């Protein structure tokens, strides 16, 4: 899996965009609710090979969040839908309010990706569509930059990771 924009979805464990829990959240939501800001950021910070697959002109904003209420002081997120090589896909932008590196953020992002897919399945009528690609994007404002050796979920696992890679959920995490 690679980075993808996440479409608007509704989930009982999510908070509404209207529920602003702190000033960071308000600034994040106001900035990322502007499609031109989002397009510009994604254009400048996503890897070129991802951008080549993405039609930023199709970018749509989601109205809901996947961040649990108890984590809203630390995270904000935005879900976008976008066409990836002619197919619907998603980009999930997670903003970390913490000023320190959270080594378990990959697990949190994996949970959000699963929630997005479950909601997608729930919203399908009778048609059995393939799951859309979800591209996670993490924005941190910590004092130190994201460790370059910790961009994949598998980088946190121990044991014969390479030999068992077919059994391990893994994804790149872009942290501009």
C-alpha atoms as a PDB file:
ATOM      1  CA  UNK A   1       0.000   0.000   0.000  1.00  0.00           C
ATOM      2  CA  UNK A   2       1.146   3.544  -0.666  1.00  0.00           C
ATOM      3  CA  UNK A   3      -0.169   7.005   0.196  1.00  0.00           C
ATOM      4  CA  UNK A   4      -3.749   7.762  -0.943  1.00  0.00           C
ATOM      5  CA  UNK A   5      -6.393  10.384  -0.407  1.00  0.00           C
ATOM      6  CA  UNK A   6      -9.298   9.360   1.713  1.00  0.00           C
ATOM      7  CA  UNK A   7     -12.923  10.029   0.749  1.00  0.00           C
ATOM      8  CA  UNK A   8     -15.615  11.383   2.974  1.00  0.00           C
ATOM      9  CA  UNK A   9     -16.987   8.722   5.189  1.00  0.00           C
ATOM     10  CA  UNK A  10     -19.100   8.514   8.269  1.00  0.00           C
ATOM     11  CA  UNK A  11     -18.342   6.300  11.245  1.00  0.00           C
ATOM     12  CA  UNK A  12     -19.897   6.184  14.686  1.00  0.00           C
ATOM     13  CA  UNK A  13     -16.426   6.365  16.260  1.00  0.00           C
ATOM     14  CA  UNK A  14     -15.478   9.508  14.366  1.00  0.00           C
ATOM     15  CA  UNK A  15     -15.863  13.143  15.196  1.00  0.00           C
ATOM     16  CA  UNK A  16     -17.417  15.774  12.984  1.00  0.00           C
ATOM     17  CA  UNK A  17     -15.407  18.547  11.380  1.00  0.00           C
ATOM     18  CA  UNK A  18     -17.527  20.921  13.440  1.00  0.00           C
ATOM     19  CA  UNK A  19     -16.145  19.475  16.680  1.00  0.00           C
ATOM     20  CA  UNK A  20     -12.945  21.471  17.081  1.00  0.00           C
ATOM     21  CA  UNK A  21     -11.168  20.374  20.237  1.00  0.00           C
ATOM     22  CA  UNK A  22      -8.179  22.730  20.203  1.00  0.00           C
ATOM     23  CA  UNK A  23      -6.575  25.596  18.249  1.00  0.00           C
ATOM     24  CA  UNK A  24      -4.248  23.229  16.358  1.00  0.00           C
ATOM     25  CA  UNK A  25      -7.277  21.287  15.135  1.00  0.00           C
ATOM     26  CA  UNK A  26      -9.042  24.446  14.028  1.00  0.00           C
ATOM     27  CA  UNK A  27      -6.006  25.680  12.083  1.00  0.00           C
ATOM     28  CA  UNK A  28      -5.487  22.250  10.520  1.00  0.00           C
ATOM     29  CA  UNK A  29      -9.138  21.964   9.453  1.00  0.00           C
ATOM     30  CA  UNK A  30      -9.304  25.497   8.043  1.00  0.00           C
ATOM     31  CA  UNK A  31      -6.094  24.994   6.074  1.00  0.00           C
ATOM     32  CA  UNK A  32      -6.856  21.515   4.766  1.00  0.00           C
ATOM     33  CA  UNK A  33     -10.521  22.279   3.994  1.00  0.00           C
ATOM     34  CA  UNK A  34      -9.268  24.569   1.247  1.00  0.00           C
ATOM     35  CA  UNK A  35      -8.839  22.276  -1.759  1.00  0.00           C
ATOM     36  CA  UNK A  36      -6.219  24.529  -3.348  1.00  0.00           C
ATOM     37  CA  UNK A  37      -4.101  24.339  -0.173  1.00  0.00           C
ATOM     38  CA  UNK A  38      -4.465  20.550  -0.087  1.00  0.00           C
ATOM     39  CA  UNK A  39      -3.662  20.169  -3.794  1.00  0.00           C
ATOM     40  CA  UNK A  40      -0.626  22.423  -3.494  1.00  0.00           C
ATOM     41  CA  UNK A  41       0.721  20.579  -0.462  1.00  0.00           C
ATOM     42  CA  UNK A  42       0.191  17.165  -2.012  1.00  0.00           C
ATOM     43  CA  UNK A  43       1.752  18.318  -5.283  1.00  0.00           C
ATOM     44  CA  UNK A  44       4.891  19.503  -3.469  1.00  0.00           C
ATOM     45  CA  UNK A  45       5.296  16.737  -0.891  1.00  0.00           C
ATOM     46  CA  UNK A  46       4.032  13.458  -2.321  1.00  0.00           C
ATOM     47  CA  UNK A  47       6.608  11.343  -4.149  1.00  0.00           C
ATOM     48  CA  UNK A  48       6.638  11.888  -7.908  1.00  0.00           C
ATOM     49  CA  UNK A  49       5.698   8.267  -8.671  1.00  0.00           C
ATOM     50  CA  UNK A  50       2.550   8.668  -6.531  1.00  0.00           C
ATOM     51  CA  UNK A  51       1.620  12.000  -8.114  1.00  0.00           C
ATOM     52  CA  UNK A  52       1.906  10.464 -11.602  1.00  0.00           C
ATOM     53  CA  UNK A  53      -0.934   8.089 -10.658  1.00  0.00           C
ATOM     54  CA  UNK A  54      -3.116  10.724  -9.009  1.00  0.00           C
ATOM     55  CA  UNK A  55      -5.543  13.180 -10.623  1.00  0.00           C
ATOM     56  CA  UNK A  56      -5.462  16.085  -8.140  1.00  0.00           C
ATOM     57  CA  UNK A  57      -8.275  17.802 -10.080  1.00  0.00           C
ATOM     58  CA  UNK A  58     -10.632  15.086  -8.761  1.00  0.00           C
ATOM     59  CA  UNK A  59      -9.731  15.754  -5.119  1.00  0.00           C
ATOM     60  CA  UNK A  60     -12.814  15.804  -2.868  1.00  0.00           C
ATOM     61  CA  UNK A  61     -12.951  16.563   0.858  1.00  0.00           C
ATOM     62  CA  UNK A  62     -14.469  14.244   3.422  1.00  0.00           C
ATOM     63  CA  UNK A  63     -16.568  15.740   6.169  1.00  0.00           C
ATOM     64  CA  UNK A  64     -15.639  13.280   8.897  1.00  0.00           C
ATOM     65  CA  UNK A  65     -12.648  12.181  10.898  1.00  0.00           C
ATOM     66  CA  UNK A  66     -11.380   8.787  11.974  1.00  0.00           C
ATOM     67  CA  UNK A  67      -9.543  10.084  15.044  1.00  0.00           C
ATOM     68  CA  UNK A  68     -11.075   8.774  18.251  1.00  0.00           C
ATOM     69  CA  UNK A  69     -12.347  11.388  20.680  1.00  0.00           C
ATOM     70  CA  UNK A  70      -9.742  10.471  23.325  1.00  0.00           C
ATOM     71  CA  UNK A  71      -6.939  11.165  20.795  1.00  0.00           C
ATOM     72  CA  UNK A  72      -8.334  14.440  19.437  1.00  0.00           C
ATOM     73  CA  UNK A  73      -5.987  16.507  21.620  1.00  0.00           C
ATOM     74  CA  UNK A  74      -3.061  14.876  19.827  1.00  0.00           C
ATOM     75  CA  UNK A  75      -4.248  14.276  16.270  1.00  0.00           C
ATOM     76  CA  UNK A  76      -6.414  15.789  13.540  1.00  0.00           C
ATOM     77  CA  UNK A  77      -7.125  14.160  10.241  1.00  0.00           C
ATOM     78  CA  UNK A  78      -8.639  14.872   6.878  1.00  0.00           C
ATOM     79  CA  UNK A  79     -10.012  12.347   4.445  1.00  0.00           C
ATOM     80  CA  UNK A  80      -9.945  12.949   0.696  1.00  0.00           C
ATOM     81  CA  UNK A  81     -11.195  10.986  -2.277  1.00  0.00           C
ATOM     82  CA  UNK A  82      -9.164  11.122  -5.485  1.00  0.00           C
ATOM     83  CA  UNK A  83      -8.852   9.204  -8.731  1.00  0.00           C
ATOM     84  CA  UNK A  84      -5.772   6.974  -8.917  1.00  0.00           C
ATOM     85  CA  UNK A  85      -5.120   5.752 -12.456  1.00  0.00           C
ATOM     86  CA  UNK A  86      -8.824   6.134 -13.222  1.00  0.00           C
ATOM     87  CA  UNK A  87     -10.007   4.271 -10.110  1.00  0.00           C
ATOM     88  CA  UNK A  88     -11.326   5.785  -6.867  1.00  0.00           C
ATOM     89  CA  UNK A  89      -8.766   5.984  -4.101  1.00  0.00           C
ATOM     90  CA  UNK A  90      -8.195   7.874  -0.889  1.00  0.00           C
ATOM     91  CA  UNK A  91      -5.588  10.021   0.822  1.00  0.00           C
ATOM     92  CA  UNK A  92      -5.711  10.175   4.598  1.00  0.00           C
ATOM     93  CA  UNK A  93      -3.808  13.120   6.075  1.00  0.00           C
ATOM     94  CA  UNK A  94      -3.039  12.727   9.770  1.00  0.00           C
ATOM     95  CA  UNK A  95      -1.656  15.736  11.648  1.00  0.00           C
ATOM     96  CA  UNK A  96       0.183  14.896  14.833  1.00  0.00           C
ATOM     97  CA  UNK A  97      -0.150  17.651  17.468  1.00  0.00           C
ATOM     98  CA  UNK A  98       2.471  16.096  19.702  1.00  0.00           C
ATOM     99  CA  UNK A  99       5.941  17.590  19.824  1.00  0.00           C
ATOM    100  CA  UNK A 100       7.604  14.188  20.105  1.00  0.00           C
ATOM    101  CA  UNK A 101       7.990  11.160  17.876  1.00  0.00           C
ATOM    102  CA  UNK A 102       5.336   8.452  18.412  1.00  0.00           C
ATOM    103  CA  UNK A 103       6.845   5.138  17.363  1.00  0.00           C
ATOM    104  CA  UNK A 104       3.447   3.413  17.309  1.00  0.00           C
ATOM    105  CA  UNK A 105       1.716   5.816  14.915  1.00  0.00           C
ATOM    106  CA  UNK A 106       1.901   3.147  12.159  1.00  0.00           C
ATOM    107  CA  UNK A 107      -0.521   0.971  14.128  1.00  0.00           C
ATOM    108  CA  UNK A 108      -2.884   3.897  14.545  1.00  0.00           C
ATOM    109  CA  UNK A 109      -2.746   4.631  10.814  1.00  0.00           C
ATOM    110  CA  UNK A 110      -3.353   0.963  10.005  1.00  0.00           C
ATOM    111  CA  UNK A 111      -6.472   1.089  12.203  1.00  0.00           C
ATOM    112  CA  UNK A 112      -7.732   4.163  10.309  1.00  0.00           C
ATOM    113  CA  UNK A 113      -7.113   2.440   6.974  1.00  0.00           C
ATOM    114  CA  UNK A 114      -9.134  -0.581   8.110  1.00  0.00           C
ATOM    115  CA  UNK A 115     -11.960   1.709   9.296  1.00  0.00           C
ATOM    116  CA  UNK A 116     -11.992   3.426   5.912  1.00  0.00           C
ATOM    117  CA  UNK A 117     -12.205   0.079   4.086  1.00  0.00           C
ATOM    118  CA  UNK A 118     -14.930  -1.217   6.419  1.00  0.00           C
ATOM    119  CA  UNK A 119     -16.978   1.914   5.799  1.00  0.00           C
ATOM    120  CA  UNK A 120     -16.420   1.578   2.039  1.00  0.00           C
ATOM    121  CA  UNK A 121     -17.726  -2.009   2.177  1.00  0.00           C
ATOM    122  CA  UNK A 122     -20.701  -0.918   4.280  1.00  0.00           C
ATOM    123  CA  UNK A 123     -21.582   1.830   1.788  1.00  0.00           C
ATOM    124  CA  UNK A 124     -21.593  -0.552  -1.170  1.00  0.00           C
ATOM    125  CA  UNK A 125     -25.040  -1.640  -2.195  1.00  0.00           C
ATOM    126  CA  UNK A 126     -25.088  -5.057  -3.792  1.00  0.00           C
ATOM    127  CA  UNK A 127     -22.074  -4.548  -6.016  1.00  0.00           C
ATOM    128  CA  UNK A 128     -18.846  -6.154  -4.866  1.00  0.00           C
ATOM    129  CA  UNK A 129     -16.209  -3.572  -5.722  1.00  0.00           C
ATOM    130  CA  UNK A 130     -12.523  -3.992  -5.000  1.00  0.00           C
ATOM    131  CA  UNK A 131     -11.259  -2.010  -2.028  1.00  0.00           C
ATOM    132  CA  UNK A 132      -9.772   1.377  -2.924  1.00  0.00           C
ATOM    133  CA  UNK A 133      -6.144   2.178  -2.252  1.00  0.00           C
ATOM    134  CA  UNK A 134      -5.584   4.293   0.864  1.00  0.00           C
ATOM    135  CA  UNK A 135      -2.494   6.498   0.918  1.00  0.00           C
ATOM    136  CA  UNK A 136      -1.539   7.569   4.458  1.00  0.00           C
ATOM    137  CA  UNK A 137       0.238  10.894   4.931  1.00  0.00           C
ATOM    138  CA  UNK A 138       1.540  11.991   8.353  1.00  0.00           C
ATOM    139  CA  UNK A 139       2.298  15.617   9.177  1.00  0.00           C
ATOM    140  CA  UNK A 140       4.313  16.088  12.375  1.00  0.00           C
ATOM    141  CA  UNK A 141       5.414  19.245  14.091  1.00  0.00           C
ATOM    142  CA  UNK A 142       7.896  17.674  16.472  1.00  0.00           C
ATOM    143  CA  UNK A 143      11.301  19.168  17.174  1.00  0.00           C
ATOM    144  CA  UNK A 144      13.082  16.373  15.329  1.00  0.00           C
ATOM    145  CA  UNK A 145      12.300  15.042  11.888  1.00  0.00           C
ATOM    146  CA  UNK A 146      10.745  11.669  11.220  1.00  0.00           C
ATOM    147  CA  UNK A 147      13.388   8.912  11.367  1.00  0.00           C
ATOM    148  CA  UNK A 148      14.157   7.856   7.792  1.00  0.00           C
ATOM    149  CA  UNK A 149      14.546   4.220   8.818  1.00  0.00           C
ATOM    150  CA  UNK A 150      10.987   4.136  10.219  1.00  0.00           C
ATOM    151  CA  UNK A 151       8.901   4.796   7.118  1.00  0.00           C
ATOM    152  CA  UNK A 152       7.488   1.259   6.786  1.00  0.00           C
ATOM    153  CA  UNK A 153       5.326  -0.567   9.283  1.00  0.00           C
ATOM    154  CA  UNK A 154       7.623  -3.593   8.930  1.00  0.00           C
ATOM    155  CA  UNK A 155      10.567  -1.538  10.233  1.00  0.00           C
ATOM    156  CA  UNK A 156       9.084  -1.918  13.739  1.00  0.00           C
ATOM    157  CA  UNK A 157       8.779  -5.699  13.601  1.00  0.00           C
ATOM    158  CA  UNK A 158      11.351  -8.203  14.813  1.00  0.00           C
ATOM    159  CA  UNK A 159      12.104 -11.659  13.512  1.00  0.00           C
ATOM    160  CA  UNK A 160      12.374 -12.935   9.929  1.00  0.00           C
ATOM    161  CA  UNK A 161      10.408 -10.034   8.435  1.00  0.00           C
ATOM    162  CA  UNK A 162      11.697 -10.514   4.887  1.00  0.00           C
ATOM    163  CA  UNK A 163      10.973 -14.232   4.836  1.00  0.00           C
ATOM    164  CA  UNK A 164       7.436 -13.721   6.198  1.00  0.00           C
ATOM    165  CA  UNK A 165       6.615 -10.514   4.283  1.00  0.00           C
ATOM    166  CA  UNK A 166       3.640 -12.181   2.571  1.00  0.00           C
ATOM    167  CA  UNK A 167       1.950 -12.503   5.968  1.00  0.00           C
ATOM    168  CA  UNK A 168       2.629  -8.993   7.237  1.00  0.00           C
ATOM    169  CA  UNK A 169       0.540  -5.902   6.494  1.00  0.00           C
ATOM    170  CA  UNK A 170       3.033  -3.293   5.394  1.00  0.00           C
ATOM    171  CA  UNK A 171       2.935   0.217   3.958  1.00  0.00           C
ATOM    172  CA  UNK A 172       5.085   3.253   3.415  1.00  0.00           C
ATOM    173  CA  UNK A 173       4.343   6.240   5.607  1.00  0.00           C
ATOM    174  CA  UNK A 174       5.196   9.567   4.072  1.00  0.00           C
ATOM    175  CA  UNK A 175       6.070  12.245   6.604  1.00  0.00           C
ATOM    176  CA  UNK A 176       7.086  15.454   4.786  1.00  0.00           C
END
